[in-house]
Amino acid sequence: MLQGGVAAGLAGVGLTAAETVAAVPASGGSEIRPFRVDVPQQRLADLRRRVRAVSWPTGELVADRSQGVQLATTKALARYWATKYDWRRFEAKLRKFPQYLTEIDGVDIHFVHVRSPHPDALPLIMTHGWPGSFVELLETVGPLTNPTAYGGRAADAFHLVLPSIPGYGFSAQPTEIGWDPGRTARAWHQLMRLLGYDRYVAQGGDVGSAVTDNLARQAPDGLLGVHLNLLGAALAPGGQPTDTAEERAAAAAVAEFNATGNGYRIEQTTRPQTIGYALLDSPVALAAWMLDHDTDSYDKIARAFVHNHPAGNLTRDHILDNITLYWLTGTGASSARIYWESARARATNPPPPPVTLPVAFSAFPGEIFQAPRTWVRNIYPTLAYYNKPTRGGHFAAWEEPHLFTTELRTAFHPLR
C-alpha cells in the first residue's frame, strides 16, 4: 500500500511506491520518491464485473446528444471495456516513464519527469485538465524531450514535468479546502525549484489553463512565459467584442456551450460531492460523465467506440486508459472539487494582477470555441504568439501530438 497522504487518497487501490529504489533527494532538502503502478488483479476483475452489471437507462428520444451521452455510445464503450480493454498494456507503458511522488504543502504530488538527452533543453511544466489527466499528455513526451528522434532539432528540446493536480490520478486527495488553481500554481513553482530548475516555461489547457494562468499572474522568479490552448476567462457570458464574423462565431459557440453543454460545470462547481457518489459507484456512470464534455470531443470518442474510427490519437484504448485511471484511483469526486474551489476563490479573493510575462496561445479548431486573436489579446496584452492549427480539439495534445509539439516548439523558441 502507499504510505502517507497518498494512501489516504488511494485507499484500497493497491498502487505502490517503488520502495526498492532509493529515494531521490531534491534541491532544498525535500524528498522525491520513485513511484510505480501495480494494480492488483482483483481490482481489475471487480471493474469488469461492475461494467457488465450496469443497469442501462432507456434510449434517448432524440437523434443527437442534446439529451446527453447516447446509449449506443455507452454500450459500445462498455462492451469494449469489459471484453477487450487491457489495463496491463497501459500499466507496462506507464512503467517506462520516470514517475515520482513528493510532498508539497501537505499533499503528495505525483509527477512524470523526463529529462532531455540534450543538455541545453528548456524546462517545461505542463498541466492537464478535466476530464483528462497526465495521460492526455504522454504522447508528446518523446517529441518534446528528444526532438532529434522525431525530425526536430536539438535546439527544440525540453526537460518535461507532468504533474497530476491534487485530487487527480496518483496525486493525493486534499483533506482540507483551499486547493484552487492559484494554490496549485504555487505548488508547481515549488516543484520546479525542487527539481533544480531556476528558469522554465509552463503550458496548460482546460483546468490546466487556469493553473497556468494563475502561475503567469503570480510571475514567480524563473518563469519565462506560458502557453495556453483554452481561453477560460472568455467562457463567462459577455465581456468580449463581437464586431467581426470571427468574434460573433466565437460568442455563439460560447453561448451554445453555456446553454446546452454546461451541465457538468454547474454540478461540479456547486455540488461535486453529490455527483461523486455515482462516479465512484458505477464505472459506466463515470465514463458517461467524462464523455459529456464538449460536442467535438464527444463526437470523436463516439465514432471511435461505435465505428472504430478514431480521430488522430483518440483511440478506444487511449480513451479507456484515462477513464480507467479515474476509476482505479477513486478520483471522480475529488477531481470535480477544483471547480468548486475555483468558484470559491473567484468569490473571496481580490482580483489577480495582470499578466506581464509573454503569453502564447494556440486556438485549435475543435475546442469549445476557437478564441479570436482579439479576445486573447484583450485578456493577455503580452500576447507574443497566436496560431490556429488545422486540426485538434479540446484534447489537443492527446489527439494531435505532432501538431501540439510543433506549437510549443514555435511558441517557446524566443524564450530559449
Protein backbone atom coordinates (compact mmCIF):
# COMPACT_ATOMS: atom_id res chain seq x y z
CA MET A 1 0.00 0.00 0.00
CA LEU A 2 1.05 3.60 -0.45
CA GLN A 3 2.28 5.49 2.54
CA GLY A 4 1.22 8.84 4.00
CA GLY A 5 -1.07 11.23 2.18
CA VAL A 6 -1.32 9.18 -0.99
CA ALA A 7 -2.62 6.21 0.97
CA ALA A 8 -5.49 8.40 2.15
CA GLY A 9 -6.31 9.40 -1.41
CA LEU A 10 -5.96 5.95 -2.98
CA ALA A 11 -7.09 3.68 -0.17
CA GLY A 12 -7.73 0.19 -1.46
CA VAL A 13 -6.38 0.86 -4.93
CA GLY A 14 -3.27 -1.21 -4.41
CA LEU A 15 -0.78 1.10 -6.07
CA THR A 16 2.73 1.08 -4.71
CA ALA A 17 5.62 3.45 -4.33
CA ALA A 18 8.83 1.90 -5.64
CA GLU A 19 10.27 1.26 -2.20
CA THR A 20 13.07 -0.90 -3.57
CA VAL A 21 14.51 2.14 -5.36
CA ALA A 22 16.43 4.66 -3.28
CA ALA A 23 14.56 7.92 -2.68
CA VAL A 24 15.94 10.88 -4.60
CA PRO A 25 16.83 13.94 -2.50
CA ALA A 26 15.62 17.15 -4.15
CA SER A 27 17.06 20.63 -4.03
CA GLY A 28 16.15 22.25 -0.73
CA GLY A 29 16.04 19.01 1.24
CA SER A 30 12.62 17.65 0.27
CA GLU A 31 12.42 14.00 -0.68
CA ILE A 32 11.36 12.79 -4.10
CA ARG A 33 10.27 9.14 -4.04
CA PRO A 34 10.14 6.95 -7.14
CA PHE A 35 6.64 5.70 -7.96
CA ARG A 36 5.48 2.51 -9.66
CA VAL A 37 1.98 1.45 -10.68
CA ASP A 38 0.93 -2.08 -9.72
CA VAL A 39 -2.84 -2.67 -9.65
CA PRO A 40 -3.97 -5.94 -8.01
CA GLN A 41 -5.77 -8.30 -10.36
CA GLN A 42 -8.85 -8.39 -8.13
CA ARG A 43 -9.35 -4.67 -8.70
CA LEU A 44 -9.40 -5.21 -12.45
CA ALA A 45 -11.75 -8.18 -12.10
CA ASP A 46 -14.09 -6.07 -9.96
CA LEU A 47 -14.04 -3.33 -12.60
CA ARG A 48 -15.10 -5.73 -15.34
CA ARG A 49 -17.80 -7.20 -13.10
CA ARG A 50 -19.22 -3.75 -12.44
CA VAL A 51 -19.13 -2.80 -16.12
CA ARG A 52 -21.06 -5.95 -17.03
CA ALA A 53 -23.59 -5.42 -14.23
CA VAL A 54 -24.59 -1.90 -15.29
CA SER A 55 -28.29 -1.02 -15.27
CA TRP A 56 -28.99 0.65 -18.60
CA PRO A 57 -31.42 3.56 -19.00
CA THR A 58 -33.84 3.56 -21.88
CA GLY A 59 -32.54 5.15 -25.03
CA GLU A 60 -32.59 8.90 -25.64
CA LEU A 61 -35.59 10.25 -27.54
CA VAL A 62 -33.58 12.33 -30.00
CA ALA A 63 -31.07 11.56 -32.75
CA ASP A 64 -28.24 13.69 -31.33
CA ARG A 65 -26.53 14.30 -27.97
CA SER A 66 -28.95 17.02 -26.86
CA GLN A 67 -30.29 14.72 -24.10
CA GLY A 68 -26.81 13.59 -23.11
CA VAL A 69 -24.44 10.74 -23.89
CA GLN A 70 -26.17 8.38 -26.28
CA LEU A 71 -26.99 4.81 -25.30
CA ALA A 72 -25.24 3.31 -28.34
CA THR A 73 -22.02 5.08 -27.37
CA THR A 74 -22.02 3.91 -23.75
CA LYS A 75 -22.97 0.35 -24.74
CA ALA A 76 -20.14 0.19 -27.28
CA LEU A 77 -17.71 1.59 -24.71
CA ALA A 78 -18.85 -0.84 -22.01
CA ARG A 79 -18.65 -3.81 -24.38
CA TYR A 80 -15.07 -2.98 -25.32
CA TRP A 81 -14.13 -2.17 -21.72
CA ALA A 82 -15.46 -5.47 -20.41
CA THR A 83 -14.11 -7.74 -23.16
CA LYS A 84 -11.08 -6.28 -24.93
CA TYR A 85 -9.52 -3.45 -22.97
CA ASP A 86 -6.20 -4.38 -21.32
CA TRP A 87 -5.05 -2.23 -18.39
CA ARG A 88 -1.86 -4.29 -18.12
CA ARG A 89 -0.83 -2.98 -21.55
CA PHE A 90 -1.15 0.57 -20.27
CA GLU A 91 0.47 -0.27 -16.96
CA ALA A 92 3.52 -1.54 -18.83
CA LYS A 93 3.58 1.69 -20.85
CA LEU A 94 3.38 3.79 -17.69
CA ARG A 95 6.36 2.00 -16.17
CA LYS A 96 8.55 3.26 -19.00
CA PHE A 97 8.09 6.84 -17.77
CA PRO A 98 10.06 8.03 -14.73
CA GLN A 99 7.41 8.80 -12.11
CA TYR A 100 7.74 10.26 -8.63
CA LEU A 101 5.95 11.50 -5.53
CA THR A 102 6.88 14.45 -3.38
CA GLU A 103 5.00 16.26 -0.62
CA ILE A 104 4.21 19.90 -1.27
CA ASP A 105 2.06 22.00 1.08
CA GLY A 106 0.89 18.87 2.89
CA VAL A 107 -0.21 16.91 -0.22
CA ASP A 108 1.67 14.18 -2.06
CA ILE A 109 2.07 15.23 -5.68
CA HIS A 110 2.59 12.64 -8.41
CA PHE A 111 4.53 13.67 -11.50
CA VAL A 112 6.28 12.33 -14.57
CA HIS A 113 9.76 13.84 -15.02
CA VAL A 114 11.64 13.15 -18.24
CA ARG A 115 14.94 14.93 -18.78
CA SER A 116 16.01 15.51 -22.35
CA PRO A 117 19.26 13.95 -23.63
CA HIS A 118 20.08 17.43 -24.91
CA PRO A 119 21.77 19.39 -22.10
CA ASP A 120 20.53 22.83 -23.16
CA ALA A 121 16.86 21.78 -23.12
CA LEU A 122 14.32 24.25 -21.75
CA PRO A 123 12.40 23.02 -18.65
CA LEU A 124 8.64 22.85 -19.26
CA ILE A 125 5.82 22.01 -16.84
CA MET A 126 2.50 21.02 -18.46
CA THR A 127 -0.82 20.76 -16.63
CA HIS A 128 -3.71 18.54 -17.68
CA GLY A 129 -7.41 19.33 -17.31
CA TRP A 130 -10.75 17.64 -16.61
CA PRO A 131 -11.89 15.10 -17.75
CA GLY A 132 -8.27 14.44 -18.62
CA SER A 133 -5.16 13.57 -16.64
CA PHE A 134 -1.44 13.37 -17.23
CA VAL A 135 -2.40 10.52 -19.58
CA GLU A 136 -3.52 13.02 -22.23
CA LEU A 137 -0.01 14.48 -22.40
CA LEU A 138 2.06 11.29 -22.61
CA GLU A 139 2.13 11.12 -26.42
CA THR A 140 4.08 14.38 -26.51
CA VAL A 141 6.86 13.21 -24.18
CA GLY A 142 9.12 11.72 -26.86
CA PRO A 143 8.85 14.57 -29.40
CA LEU A 144 9.27 17.25 -26.72
CA THR A 145 12.21 15.71 -24.86
CA ASN A 146 14.06 14.07 -27.74
CA PRO A 147 13.20 16.07 -30.86
CA THR A 148 16.08 14.75 -32.97
CA ALA A 149 14.43 11.31 -32.86
CA TYR A 150 11.22 12.84 -34.29
CA GLY A 151 12.54 15.05 -37.06
CA GLY A 152 13.27 18.09 -34.90
CA ARG A 153 16.40 19.88 -33.78
CA ALA A 154 18.31 19.63 -30.53
CA ALA A 155 17.52 23.31 -30.05
CA ASP A 156 13.82 22.35 -29.76
CA ALA A 157 14.30 20.11 -26.70
CA PHE A 158 12.51 20.38 -23.36
CA HIS A 159 13.04 18.83 -19.94
CA LEU A 160 9.45 17.81 -19.20
CA VAL A 161 7.47 17.74 -15.93
CA LEU A 162 3.89 16.41 -15.97
CA PRO A 163 2.29 16.70 -12.51
CA SER A 164 -1.14 15.44 -11.52
CA ILE A 165 -3.37 18.11 -9.95
CA PRO A 166 -4.18 17.26 -6.29
CA GLY A 167 -7.27 15.05 -6.34
CA TYR A 168 -6.43 13.69 -9.80
CA GLY A 169 -4.68 10.49 -10.81
CA PHE A 170 -1.95 9.35 -8.47
CA SER A 171 -1.68 12.62 -6.56
CA ALA A 172 -3.23 12.59 -3.10
CA GLN A 173 -6.71 13.91 -2.48
CA PRO A 174 -6.63 17.10 -0.35
CA THR A 175 -8.15 16.75 3.12
CA GLU A 176 -8.88 20.47 3.50
CA ILE A 177 -10.42 23.13 1.31
CA GLY A 178 -8.31 25.68 -0.50
CA TRP A 179 -6.68 23.75 -3.33
CA ASP A 180 -7.81 26.14 -6.05
CA PRO A 181 -5.81 26.77 -9.26
CA GLY A 182 -3.79 29.51 -7.55
CA ARG A 183 -2.59 27.22 -4.79
CA THR A 184 -1.83 24.53 -7.35
CA ALA A 185 0.22 27.06 -9.35
CA ARG A 186 2.28 27.90 -6.27
CA ALA A 187 2.88 24.19 -5.71
CA TRP A 188 4.06 23.82 -9.32
CA HIS A 189 6.64 26.56 -8.88
CA GLN A 190 7.86 24.85 -5.72
CA LEU A 191 8.05 21.56 -7.61
CA MET A 192 10.18 23.09 -10.37
CA ARG A 193 12.52 24.54 -7.74
CA LEU A 194 12.73 21.14 -6.01
CA LEU A 195 13.81 19.65 -9.33
CA GLY A 196 16.55 22.24 -9.66
CA TYR A 197 15.02 24.33 -12.44
CA ASP A 198 15.62 28.05 -11.88
CA ARG A 199 14.17 29.06 -15.27
CA TYR A 200 11.26 27.35 -17.02
CA VAL A 201 8.09 27.74 -19.10
CA ALA A 202 4.58 26.42 -18.46
CA GLN A 203 1.67 25.11 -20.54
CA GLY A 204 -1.95 24.26 -19.78
CA GLY A 205 -5.36 23.54 -21.25
CA ASP A 206 -8.82 23.24 -19.63
CA VAL A 207 -8.31 23.28 -15.82
CA GLY A 208 -4.61 23.33 -16.63
CA SER A 209 -5.11 26.67 -18.36
CA ALA A 210 -6.49 28.08 -15.10
CA VAL A 211 -3.47 26.76 -13.20
CA THR A 212 -1.08 28.14 -15.82
CA ASP A 213 -2.92 31.48 -15.93
CA ASN A 214 -2.51 31.77 -12.15
CA LEU A 215 1.14 30.86 -12.43
CA ALA A 216 1.63 33.62 -15.01
CA ARG A 217 -0.16 36.17 -12.80
CA GLN A 218 1.94 35.17 -9.80
CA ALA A 219 5.03 35.62 -12.04
CA PRO A 220 7.45 33.75 -9.77
CA ASP A 221 11.17 34.21 -10.32
CA GLY A 222 12.33 31.96 -13.15
CA LEU A 223 9.05 31.64 -15.05
CA LEU A 224 9.82 32.88 -18.57
CA GLY A 225 6.43 32.60 -20.25
CA VAL A 226 3.34 30.44 -20.74
CA HIS A 227 1.35 28.71 -23.47
CA LEU A 228 -2.42 28.11 -23.29
CA ASN A 229 -4.92 26.34 -25.51
CA LEU A 230 -8.16 27.34 -23.77
CA LEU A 231 -9.22 30.92 -23.05
CA GLY A 232 -11.11 30.09 -19.89
CA ALA A 233 -11.90 33.70 -18.96
CA ALA A 234 -13.93 34.09 -22.16
CA LEU A 235 -16.40 31.38 -21.10
CA ALA A 236 -18.08 33.97 -18.90
CA PRO A 237 -21.11 35.44 -20.73
CA GLY A 238 -20.41 38.76 -22.44
CA GLY A 239 -17.37 40.90 -21.93
CA GLN A 240 -15.75 40.24 -25.30
CA PRO A 241 -16.28 42.18 -28.54
CA THR A 242 -18.48 40.82 -31.33
CA ASP A 243 -17.52 43.24 -34.08
CA THR A 244 -16.18 40.71 -36.60
CA ALA A 245 -17.59 37.50 -38.04
CA GLU A 246 -14.88 35.57 -36.20
CA GLU A 247 -15.81 37.17 -32.88
CA ARG A 248 -19.52 36.56 -33.43
CA ALA A 249 -18.86 32.89 -34.23
CA ALA A 250 -16.84 32.51 -31.03
CA ALA A 251 -19.55 34.27 -28.99
CA ALA A 252 -22.21 31.99 -30.49
CA ALA A 253 -20.16 28.90 -29.58
CA VAL A 254 -19.72 30.14 -26.00
CA ALA A 255 -23.45 30.84 -25.74
CA GLU A 256 -24.31 27.39 -27.11
CA PHE A 257 -21.95 25.71 -24.66
CA ASN A 258 -23.32 27.67 -21.70
CA ALA A 259 -26.91 26.91 -22.73
CA THR A 260 -26.67 23.23 -23.65
CA GLY A 261 -23.27 21.76 -22.72
CA ASN A 262 -22.56 23.28 -19.34
CA GLY A 263 -24.25 20.74 -17.07
CA TYR A 264 -21.09 19.13 -15.75
CA ARG A 265 -19.57 22.54 -14.91
CA ILE A 266 -22.65 23.62 -12.96
CA GLU A 267 -22.77 20.37 -10.98
CA GLN A 268 -19.04 20.27 -10.26
CA THR A 269 -18.97 23.97 -9.37
CA THR A 270 -21.89 23.71 -6.93
CA ARG A 271 -22.27 20.06 -5.86
CA PRO A 272 -19.13 17.98 -6.60
CA GLN A 273 -19.80 15.70 -3.66
CA THR A 274 -23.26 14.76 -4.89
CA ILE A 275 -22.16 13.57 -8.32
CA GLY A 276 -19.22 11.82 -6.68
CA TYR A 277 -21.44 9.08 -5.26
CA ALA A 278 -22.41 7.91 -8.73
CA LEU A 279 -18.90 8.37 -10.14
CA LEU A 280 -17.35 6.09 -7.52
CA ASP A 281 -20.13 3.50 -7.59
CA SER A 282 -20.50 2.79 -11.32
CA PRO A 283 -17.67 2.78 -13.86
CA VAL A 284 -20.15 3.23 -16.71
CA ALA A 285 -21.65 6.27 -14.97
CA LEU A 286 -18.12 7.63 -14.58
CA ALA A 287 -17.39 7.06 -18.27
CA ALA A 288 -20.62 8.72 -19.40
CA TRP A 289 -19.98 11.72 -17.14
CA MET A 290 -16.47 12.12 -18.53
CA LEU A 291 -17.63 11.82 -22.15
CA ASP A 292 -20.29 14.52 -21.73
CA HIS A 293 -17.89 17.45 -22.03
CA ASP A 294 -17.97 19.16 -25.41
CA THR A 295 -19.55 18.27 -28.74
CA ASP A 296 -16.33 17.92 -30.75
CA SER A 297 -14.57 15.53 -28.37
CA TYR A 298 -17.81 13.60 -27.75
CA ASP A 299 -18.41 13.09 -31.46
CA LYS A 300 -14.84 11.88 -31.96
CA ILE A 301 -14.98 9.50 -28.99
CA ALA A 302 -18.40 8.18 -30.07
CA ARG A 303 -17.02 7.42 -33.55
CA ALA A 304 -14.07 5.64 -32.00
CA PHE A 305 -16.27 3.26 -30.00
CA VAL A 306 -19.32 2.87 -32.23
CA HIS A 307 -17.50 2.72 -35.58
CA ASN A 308 -13.84 2.17 -34.53
CA HIS A 309 -12.88 5.33 -36.44
CA PRO A 310 -10.54 7.22 -34.09
CA ALA A 311 -9.73 10.87 -34.62
CA GLY A 312 -5.97 11.16 -34.51
CA ASN A 313 -4.74 9.56 -31.31
CA LEU A 314 -8.16 9.41 -29.61
CA THR A 315 -8.39 5.62 -29.86
CA ARG A 316 -10.60 3.36 -27.78
CA ASP A 317 -7.64 2.16 -25.73
CA HIS A 318 -6.29 5.65 -25.08
CA ILE A 319 -9.71 6.91 -24.00
CA LEU A 320 -10.18 3.98 -21.63
CA ASP A 321 -6.66 4.40 -20.24
CA ASN A 322 -7.79 7.77 -18.91
CA ILE A 323 -11.21 6.65 -17.67
CA THR A 324 -9.77 3.55 -16.00
CA LEU A 325 -7.20 5.70 -14.21
CA TYR A 326 -10.04 7.76 -12.71
CA TRP A 327 -11.84 4.58 -11.64
CA LEU A 328 -8.87 2.80 -10.09
CA THR A 329 -7.78 5.89 -8.17
CA GLY A 330 -11.31 6.72 -6.99
CA THR A 331 -10.97 10.35 -8.07
CA GLY A 332 -14.40 11.02 -9.56
CA ALA A 333 -15.41 13.32 -6.71
CA SER A 334 -12.01 14.76 -5.76
CA SER A 335 -11.24 15.78 -9.35
CA ALA A 336 -14.57 17.61 -9.58
CA ARG A 337 -13.88 19.69 -6.48
CA ILE A 338 -11.42 22.03 -8.19
CA TYR A 339 -14.42 23.58 -9.99
CA TRP A 340 -15.96 24.34 -6.58
CA GLU A 341 -12.61 25.62 -5.36
CA SER A 342 -12.22 27.86 -8.40
CA ALA A 343 -15.64 29.45 -7.87
CA ARG A 344 -14.91 29.98 -4.19
CA ALA A 345 -11.56 31.60 -4.99
CA ARG A 346 -13.16 33.99 -7.50
CA ALA A 347 -15.81 34.99 -4.97
CA THR A 348 -13.49 35.52 -2.00
CA ASN A 349 -10.11 36.56 -3.36
CA PRO A 350 -9.21 40.01 -4.68
CA PRO A 351 -8.80 40.32 -8.46
CA PRO A 352 -5.48 38.83 -9.57
CA PRO A 353 -2.73 41.03 -11.01
CA PRO A 354 -2.38 41.30 -14.79
CA VAL A 355 -0.07 39.00 -16.70
CA THR A 356 3.21 40.70 -17.59
CA LEU A 357 5.03 37.64 -18.97
CA PRO A 358 4.97 36.59 -22.63
CA VAL A 359 1.85 34.55 -23.45
CA ALA A 360 1.47 32.14 -26.38
CA PHE A 361 -1.90 30.79 -27.48
CA SER A 362 -2.98 28.04 -29.88
CA ALA A 363 -6.64 28.18 -30.95
CA PHE A 364 -7.45 24.63 -32.02
CA PRO A 365 -10.49 24.40 -34.33
CA GLY A 366 -12.38 21.74 -32.34
CA GLU A 367 -12.13 23.47 -28.94
CA ILE A 368 -15.32 24.54 -27.13
CA PHE A 369 -14.83 27.80 -29.01
CA GLN A 370 -11.98 28.96 -31.21
CA ALA A 371 -10.74 32.06 -29.43
CA PRO A 372 -10.09 35.02 -31.77
CA ARG A 373 -6.76 36.75 -31.50
CA THR A 374 -8.56 39.93 -30.37
CA TRP A 375 -10.12 38.11 -27.40
CA VAL A 376 -6.81 36.58 -26.37
CA ARG A 377 -5.04 39.93 -26.57
CA ASN A 378 -7.81 41.60 -24.52
CA ILE A 379 -7.12 39.18 -21.67
CA TYR A 380 -3.37 38.88 -22.26
CA PRO A 381 -1.92 42.17 -23.59
CA THR A 382 1.50 40.50 -23.59
CA LEU A 383 0.41 38.03 -26.27
CA ALA A 384 3.58 37.09 -28.14
CA TYR A 385 2.40 34.16 -30.27
CA TYR A 386 -1.01 33.21 -31.68
CA ASN A 387 -1.86 30.48 -34.16
CA LYS A 388 -4.81 28.49 -35.45
CA PRO A 389 -3.70 24.88 -36.07
CA THR A 390 -5.57 23.00 -38.77
CA ARG A 391 -6.69 20.07 -36.59
CA GLY A 392 -7.31 19.23 -32.98
CA GLY A 393 -9.85 19.90 -30.29
CA HIS A 394 -10.18 20.02 -26.53
CA PHE A 395 -7.67 17.18 -26.05
CA ALA A 396 -5.21 18.72 -28.48
CA ALA A 397 -2.01 17.18 -27.10
CA TRP A 398 -3.64 13.75 -26.99
CA GLU A 399 -5.44 13.93 -30.31
CA GLU A 400 -2.73 15.64 -32.37
CA PRO A 401 0.60 15.26 -30.52
CA HIS A 402 2.68 16.21 -33.58
CA LEU A 403 0.79 19.47 -34.16
CA PHE A 404 0.77 20.23 -30.45
CA THR A 405 4.52 19.66 -30.21
CA THR A 406 5.11 21.96 -33.17
CA GLU A 407 3.04 24.66 -31.49
CA LEU A 408 5.11 24.51 -28.30
CA ARG A 409 8.43 24.46 -30.13
CA THR A 410 7.45 27.56 -32.10
CA ALA A 411 5.79 29.38 -29.21
CA PHE A 412 8.67 29.00 -26.78
CA HIS A 413 11.57 29.38 -29.24
CA PRO A 414 12.06 33.12 -28.50
CA LEU A 415 12.38 32.39 -24.75
CA ARG A 416 15.30 30.00 -25.02
